[in-house]
Protein backbone atom coordinates (compact mmCIF):
# COMPACT_ATOMS: atom_id res chain seq x y z
CA UNK A 1 63.40 -190.64 71.08
CA UNK A 2 63.65 -187.27 70.05
CA UNK A 3 64.21 -187.24 66.22
CA UNK A 4 65.66 -184.05 65.16
CA UNK A 5 65.49 -184.56 61.67
CA UNK A 6 61.92 -185.81 62.08
CA UNK A 7 61.19 -182.72 64.42
CA UNK A 8 62.15 -179.88 62.08
CA UNK A 9 60.51 -181.15 59.16
CA UNK A 10 57.05 -181.26 60.79
CA UNK A 11 57.66 -178.21 62.40
CA UNK A 12 57.79 -176.73 58.84
CA UNK A 13 54.79 -178.05 58.25
CA UNK A 14 52.76 -177.68 61.37
CA UNK A 15 53.30 -173.94 60.38
CA UNK A 16 52.91 -173.85 56.94
CA UNK A 17 49.61 -175.82 57.70
CA UNK A 18 48.83 -173.59 60.44
CA UNK A 19 49.50 -169.87 58.03
CA UNK A 20 47.08 -171.81 55.41
CA UNK A 21 44.37 -172.17 57.70
CA UNK A 22 41.36 -170.43 55.17
CA UNK A 23 38.96 -168.38 57.35
CA UNK A 24 35.28 -170.98 56.26
CA UNK A 25 33.95 -172.55 59.13
CA UNK A 26 33.64 -175.79 58.14
CA UNK A 27 37.21 -175.24 55.97
CA UNK A 28 39.04 -174.34 59.41
CA UNK A 29 37.23 -177.11 61.06
CA UNK A 30 38.99 -180.04 58.94
CA UNK A 31 42.21 -178.19 58.91
CA UNK A 32 42.32 -178.04 62.54
CA UNK A 33 41.03 -181.68 63.11
CA UNK A 34 44.26 -182.39 60.03
CA UNK A 35 46.61 -180.49 62.50
CA UNK A 36 45.61 -182.40 65.77
CA UNK A 37 45.58 -185.49 64.24
CA UNK A 38 49.28 -184.77 62.47
CA UNK A 39 50.27 -183.77 65.76
CA UNK A 40 49.32 -186.78 67.57
CA UNK A 41 51.44 -189.05 65.11
CA UNK A 42 54.46 -187.21 65.68
CA UNK A 43 54.34 -186.67 69.27
CA UNK A 44 57.27 -189.55 69.93
CA UNK A 45 59.41 -187.41 67.88
CA UNK A 46 59.44 -184.01 69.29
CA UNK A 47 60.97 -182.35 71.66
CA UNK A 48 58.77 -181.57 74.63
CA UNK A 49 59.12 -177.36 73.88
CA UNK A 50 57.53 -178.04 70.25
CA UNK A 51 54.94 -180.65 71.65
CA UNK A 52 53.58 -178.02 74.54
CA UNK A 53 54.29 -175.35 71.88
CA UNK A 54 51.97 -177.01 69.35
CA UNK A 55 49.38 -178.06 71.29
CA UNK A 56 49.05 -176.06 74.16
CA UNK A 57 49.65 -172.77 72.52
CA UNK A 58 49.24 -172.94 68.51
CA UNK A 59 46.16 -175.01 68.16
CA UNK A 60 44.51 -173.70 70.92
CA UNK A 61 44.94 -170.21 68.79
CA UNK A 62 42.82 -171.97 65.99
CA UNK A 63 40.41 -173.64 68.24
CA UNK A 64 39.76 -169.61 69.46
CA UNK A 65 39.37 -168.89 65.67
CA UNK A 66 37.15 -171.50 65.21
CA UNK A 67 34.47 -170.77 68.38
CA UNK A 68 34.78 -167.07 67.59
CA UNK A 69 32.86 -167.94 63.89
CA UNK A 70 30.55 -170.62 65.58
CA UNK A 71 28.92 -167.31 67.80
CA UNK A 72 28.70 -165.19 64.58
CA UNK A 73 27.59 -167.98 62.52
CA UNK A 74 25.96 -171.36 64.01
CA UNK A 75 25.17 -173.59 61.17
CA UNK A 76 24.10 -177.16 61.38
CA UNK A 77 27.24 -178.93 62.10
CA UNK A 78 28.78 -181.65 60.07
CA UNK A 79 30.86 -183.36 62.63
CA UNK A 80 28.32 -182.73 66.34
CA UNK A 81 25.74 -185.31 67.32
CA UNK A 82 22.47 -184.08 68.87
CA UNK A 83 21.75 -185.56 72.06
CA UNK A 84 18.18 -184.30 71.60
CA UNK A 85 17.62 -187.24 68.51
CA UNK A 86 17.51 -190.02 71.30
CA UNK A 87 13.89 -190.75 72.09
CA UNK A 88 14.88 -192.44 75.06
CA UNK A 89 14.19 -190.78 78.56
CA UNK A 90 17.86 -189.28 80.04
CA UNK A 91 19.40 -191.51 82.49
CA UNK A 92 20.27 -189.80 86.24
CA UNK A 93 23.42 -190.61 87.00
CA UNK A 94 24.70 -190.38 90.72
CA UNK A 95 26.91 -187.67 91.67
CA UNK A 96 29.32 -189.54 93.72
CA UNK A 97 32.97 -188.99 92.59
CA UNK A 98 35.32 -192.17 92.90
CA UNK A 99 38.43 -192.47 94.52
CA UNK A 100 41.50 -192.62 92.59
CA UNK A 101 41.13 -196.68 93.26
CA UNK A 102 37.88 -196.61 93.05
CA UNK A 103 35.73 -196.74 89.52
CA UNK A 104 32.31 -197.32 91.26
CA UNK A 105 30.58 -194.08 90.21
CA UNK A 106 31.10 -193.99 86.41
CA UNK A 107 29.54 -197.74 85.56
CA UNK A 108 27.22 -197.20 88.88
CA UNK A 109 24.36 -195.19 87.05
CA UNK A 110 21.30 -197.13 85.72
CA UNK A 111 22.00 -199.29 82.49
CA UNK A 112 21.95 -196.30 79.68
CA UNK A 113 19.78 -196.94 76.04
CA UNK A 114 22.09 -197.90 73.40
CA UNK A 115 22.40 -194.92 70.91
CA UNK A 116 21.98 -195.25 67.32
CA UNK A 117 24.38 -192.88 66.21
CA UNK A 118 24.76 -191.58 62.30
CA UNK A 119 28.67 -191.11 61.97
CA UNK A 120 29.72 -187.84 61.31
CA UNK A 121 31.66 -186.45 58.08
CA UNK A 122 35.14 -187.45 57.25
CA UNK A 123 38.15 -184.91 57.21
CA UNK A 124 40.66 -186.50 54.37
CA UNK A 125 44.03 -186.54 56.82
CA UNK A 126 47.24 -188.92 56.76
CA UNK A 127 46.11 -190.77 59.46
CA UNK A 128 42.46 -191.25 57.78
CA UNK A 129 39.02 -190.23 58.27
CA UNK A 130 38.45 -187.97 61.45
CA UNK A 131 35.11 -188.31 63.46
CA UNK A 132 34.01 -186.11 66.30
CA UNK A 133 31.11 -187.22 69.17
CA UNK A 134 30.22 -184.24 71.21
CA UNK A 135 27.44 -183.08 73.48
CA UNK A 136 25.96 -186.29 74.87
CA UNK A 137 24.39 -187.36 78.18
CA UNK A 138 23.82 -190.86 79.34
CA UNK A 139 24.04 -192.86 76.40
CA UNK A 140 25.65 -195.85 75.45
CA UNK A 141 28.40 -194.90 72.71
CA UNK A 142 29.40 -196.97 70.24
CA UNK A 143 31.74 -197.28 67.76
CA UNK A 144 30.91 -196.31 64.27
CA UNK A 145 29.98 -199.41 62.12
CA UNK A 146 29.91 -198.43 58.68
CA UNK A 147 33.69 -197.58 58.37
CA UNK A 148 36.50 -199.14 57.16
CA UNK A 149 40.01 -198.81 57.98
CA UNK A 150 41.66 -196.72 60.40
CA UNK A 151 40.21 -193.38 61.84
CA UNK A 152 40.36 -190.83 64.13
CA UNK A 153 37.91 -190.25 66.66
CA UNK A 154 37.83 -187.12 68.53
CA UNK A 155 34.97 -187.12 71.69
CA UNK A 156 34.29 -183.75 73.23
CA UNK A 157 31.49 -182.84 76.02
CA UNK A 158 30.25 -186.01 76.81
CA UNK A 159 28.33 -186.77 80.29
CA UNK A 160 27.32 -189.93 82.29
CA UNK A 161 28.24 -191.88 78.80
CA UNK A 162 29.89 -195.45 78.29
CA UNK A 163 31.91 -195.07 75.14
CA UNK A 164 33.07 -198.50 73.35
CA UNK A 165 35.18 -198.09 70.52
CA UNK A 166 35.69 -201.98 70.17
CA UNK A 167 34.98 -202.92 66.87
CA UNK A 168 31.22 -203.56 66.46
CA UNK A 169 31.10 -208.02 66.43
CA UNK A 170 29.95 -210.33 63.65
CA UNK A 171 26.18 -211.01 64.28
CA UNK A 172 24.48 -214.10 62.62
CA UNK A 173 21.18 -214.56 61.00
CA UNK A 174 19.35 -217.76 60.16
CA UNK A 175 21.18 -218.57 57.62
CA UNK A 176 25.26 -217.59 56.14
CA UNK A 177 23.42 -215.42 53.47
CA UNK A 178 22.31 -212.86 56.70
CA UNK A 179 25.34 -212.78 58.92
CA UNK A 180 26.93 -209.65 59.22
CA UNK A 181 31.28 -210.58 58.38
CA UNK A 182 33.33 -208.63 61.21
CA UNK A 183 33.98 -205.00 60.86
CA UNK A 184 37.09 -203.95 59.43
CA UNK A 185 37.18 -200.77 61.32
CA UNK A 186 39.55 -199.92 63.69
CA UNK A 187 40.56 -196.08 65.87
CA UNK A 188 43.95 -195.66 65.15
CA UNK A 189 44.45 -192.29 67.59
CA UNK A 190 41.85 -190.55 69.79
CA UNK A 191 41.83 -187.27 71.58
CA UNK A 192 39.27 -186.79 74.26
CA UNK A 193 38.03 -183.23 75.79
CA UNK A 194 35.93 -182.16 78.75
CA UNK A 195 34.36 -186.02 79.87
CA UNK A 196 32.43 -186.10 83.05
CA UNK A 197 31.05 -189.25 84.92
CA UNK A 198 32.21 -191.51 81.78
CA UNK A 199 33.92 -194.80 80.86
CA UNK A 200 35.66 -195.16 78.24
CA UNK A 201 36.77 -199.13 76.49
CA UNK A 202 39.54 -198.25 73.74
CA UNK A 203 41.22 -201.08 72.10
CA UNK A 204 45.02 -200.97 71.67
CA UNK A 205 45.67 -198.71 69.10
CA UNK A 206 48.49 -198.22 66.66
CA UNK A 207 48.82 -193.95 67.14
CA UNK A 208 48.42 -191.80 70.20
CA UNK A 209 45.31 -190.81 72.59
CA UNK A 210 45.26 -186.98 74.35
CA UNK A 211 42.87 -186.37 76.90
CA UNK A 212 41.66 -182.86 78.59
CA UNK A 213 39.53 -182.19 80.60
CA UNK A 214 38.54 -185.59 82.34
CA UNK A 215 36.73 -185.84 85.72
CA UNK A 216 35.52 -188.60 87.81
CA UNK A 217 36.17 -191.63 85.05
CA UNK A 218 36.90 -194.69 84.23
CA UNK A 219 39.68 -194.79 80.98
CA UNK A 220 40.65 -198.73 79.72
CA UNK A 221 43.03 -197.92 76.48
CA UNK A 222 46.03 -199.30 74.62
CA UNK A 223 47.92 -196.67 72.60
CA UNK A 224 51.61 -195.81 71.33
CA UNK A 225 52.14 -192.56 73.48
CA UNK A 226 49.74 -190.75 76.29
CA UNK A 227 49.25 -187.53 77.28
CA UNK A 228 46.89 -186.14 79.74
CA UNK A 229 46.19 -182.45 81.34
CA UNK A 230 43.79 -180.42 83.52
CA UNK A 231 41.72 -183.78 84.96
CA UNK A 232 41.19 -185.26 88.03
CA UNK A 233 39.64 -188.15 89.71
CA UNK A 234 40.06 -190.65 87.31
CA UNK A 235 40.84 -194.41 86.83
CA UNK A 236 43.60 -195.12 83.85
CA UNK A 237 44.30 -198.90 82.71
CA UNK A 238 46.37 -198.24 80.42
CA UNK A 239 49.32 -200.67 78.10
CA UNK A 240 51.30 -198.12 76.53
CA UNK A 241 54.97 -198.83 75.29
CA UNK A 242 56.26 -195.34 76.26
CA UNK A 243 56.47 -193.27 78.98
CA UNK A 244 52.84 -191.97 79.56
CA UNK A 245 52.59 -187.78 80.74
CA UNK A 246 50.44 -186.02 82.87
CA UNK A 247 49.91 -182.32 83.63
CA UNK A 248 48.03 -180.23 85.62
CA UNK A 249 46.25 -183.25 86.59
CA UNK A 250 45.62 -184.35 90.29
CA UNK A 251 44.05 -188.07 91.68
CA UNK A 252 45.17 -190.35 88.88
CA UNK A 253 45.54 -193.95 89.42
CA UNK A 254 47.16 -195.78 86.98
CA UNK A 255 46.86 -199.87 86.48
CA UNK A 256 47.42 -202.25 83.93
CA UNK A 257 44.93 -203.18 80.97
CA UNK A 258 42.35 -205.47 81.63
CA UNK A 259 43.40 -209.22 81.30
CA UNK A 260 39.96 -210.25 79.54
CA UNK A 261 40.97 -207.70 76.18
CA UNK A 262 43.78 -208.22 73.81
CA UNK A 263 46.87 -208.02 74.98
CA UNK A 264 49.77 -206.16 72.82
CA UNK A 265 53.21 -208.15 72.65
CA UNK A 266 55.15 -205.34 73.78
CA UNK A 267 55.71 -204.12 77.53
CA UNK A 268 53.60 -201.57 79.34
CA UNK A 269 55.10 -198.56 80.90
CA UNK A 270 51.75 -197.30 82.84
CA UNK A 271 53.36 -197.12 86.21
CA UNK A 272 55.98 -194.91 84.67
CA UNK A 273 54.19 -191.33 84.59
CA UNK A 274 55.93 -188.15 83.61
CA UNK A 275 54.53 -185.39 85.98
CA UNK A 276 55.55 -182.43 83.78
CA UNK A 277 54.33 -179.91 87.17
CA UNK A 278 56.60 -181.73 89.24
CA UNK A 279 59.85 -181.07 89.14
CA UNK A 280 61.14 -181.81 92.75
CA UNK A 281 62.80 -185.36 93.80
CA UNK A 282 60.68 -188.06 94.44
CA UNK A 283 56.93 -189.33 93.29
CA UNK A 284 54.41 -186.75 92.11
CA UNK A 285 51.97 -186.37 94.77
CA UNK A 286 49.33 -186.46 91.33
CA UNK A 287 48.92 -189.72 90.65
CA UNK A 288 49.23 -192.98 91.96
CA UNK A 289 49.79 -196.81 90.88
CA UNK A 290 46.76 -198.87 91.94
CA UNK A 291 47.40 -201.15 94.39
CA UNK A 292 46.43 -204.99 93.83
CA UNK A 293 43.19 -204.84 95.16
CA UNK A 294 41.63 -201.77 93.61
CA UNK A 295 43.29 -202.99 90.68
CA UNK A 296 41.64 -205.99 90.95
CA UNK A 297 38.23 -203.98 91.64
CA UNK A 298 38.73 -201.99 88.51
CA UNK A 299 38.96 -204.65 86.52
CA UNK A 300 36.20 -206.22 87.29
CA UNK A 301 33.89 -203.29 86.72
CA UNK A 302 35.99 -203.01 83.01
CA UNK A 303 35.15 -206.24 82.46
CA UNK A 304 30.86 -206.14 83.26
CA UNK A 305 31.25 -202.78 81.48
CA UNK A 306 31.92 -204.32 78.32
CA UNK A 307 29.53 -206.68 77.97
CA UNK A 308 26.94 -204.15 77.94
CA UNK A 309 24.23 -204.23 75.13
CA UNK A 310 25.65 -207.02 73.40
CA UNK A 311 22.64 -209.29 73.51
CA UNK A 312 20.07 -207.99 71.06
CA UNK A 313 21.78 -205.30 68.89
CA UNK A 314 21.49 -201.93 68.20
CA UNK A 315 18.49 -199.67 69.41
CA UNK A 316 16.09 -198.76 67.27
């Protein structure tokens, strides 16, 4: 529900932070992630016009500035991970695209070798530290293991990856002193861009999820708000208390959050999708609700994928 006071206050703060963005590459990157995290946390209070203006126009302007600076001066990124560090041979993914009711092509590739990835540098924001994972292919990507409390995560330019953002499980040693306590890290919001043939598994979050440029993916997540732009041929198993929003999308299939994962107490509106591109009467042709048979098939796939790599711990 839109709040005029909150919307006006956020608009003033957003514009002030945008004008204050310094020209340094590192500072622009940090401020840009902070702006996006702030926008994600305030989506529920903003009118549709302000949401689209901030996200699709003004943040794009800052991203363009960042891209121009990177093309002139390409230092070692504080946030990006290099796929070249992995010693594992690349895993070939099958190129067959799934239908909206099927998630078979994403997990059908040979089981990828788990990647032990360093956590990127933090950007201090009101939503917690920001972690960025980018430019990886055929990897099993885990949630950061050396983080405490809430954090925001950004995923960009990933292909044929399984991304499991559930907190790392408690491990036991030969004695109680060697046991690893359960992690307190928890993703609070997520922004994903340019994912191809990926499986994304996210526990229920307290914040929002923004997706852009997804193709042939299986997305399993719970969030307070969910928006997806410029995406196609993707199955989404979702638990969300507010209306999911899609824009410039096609062949999306929505189903309920899998029962084998922890269920929130609130009622989900995953089946009540709003398409910003569809202003006519009747249902949009750009999305569909999974029928019971395809819903069961997708949940079986999700449960099988969730068990990958649970046996012997991290790869060295």
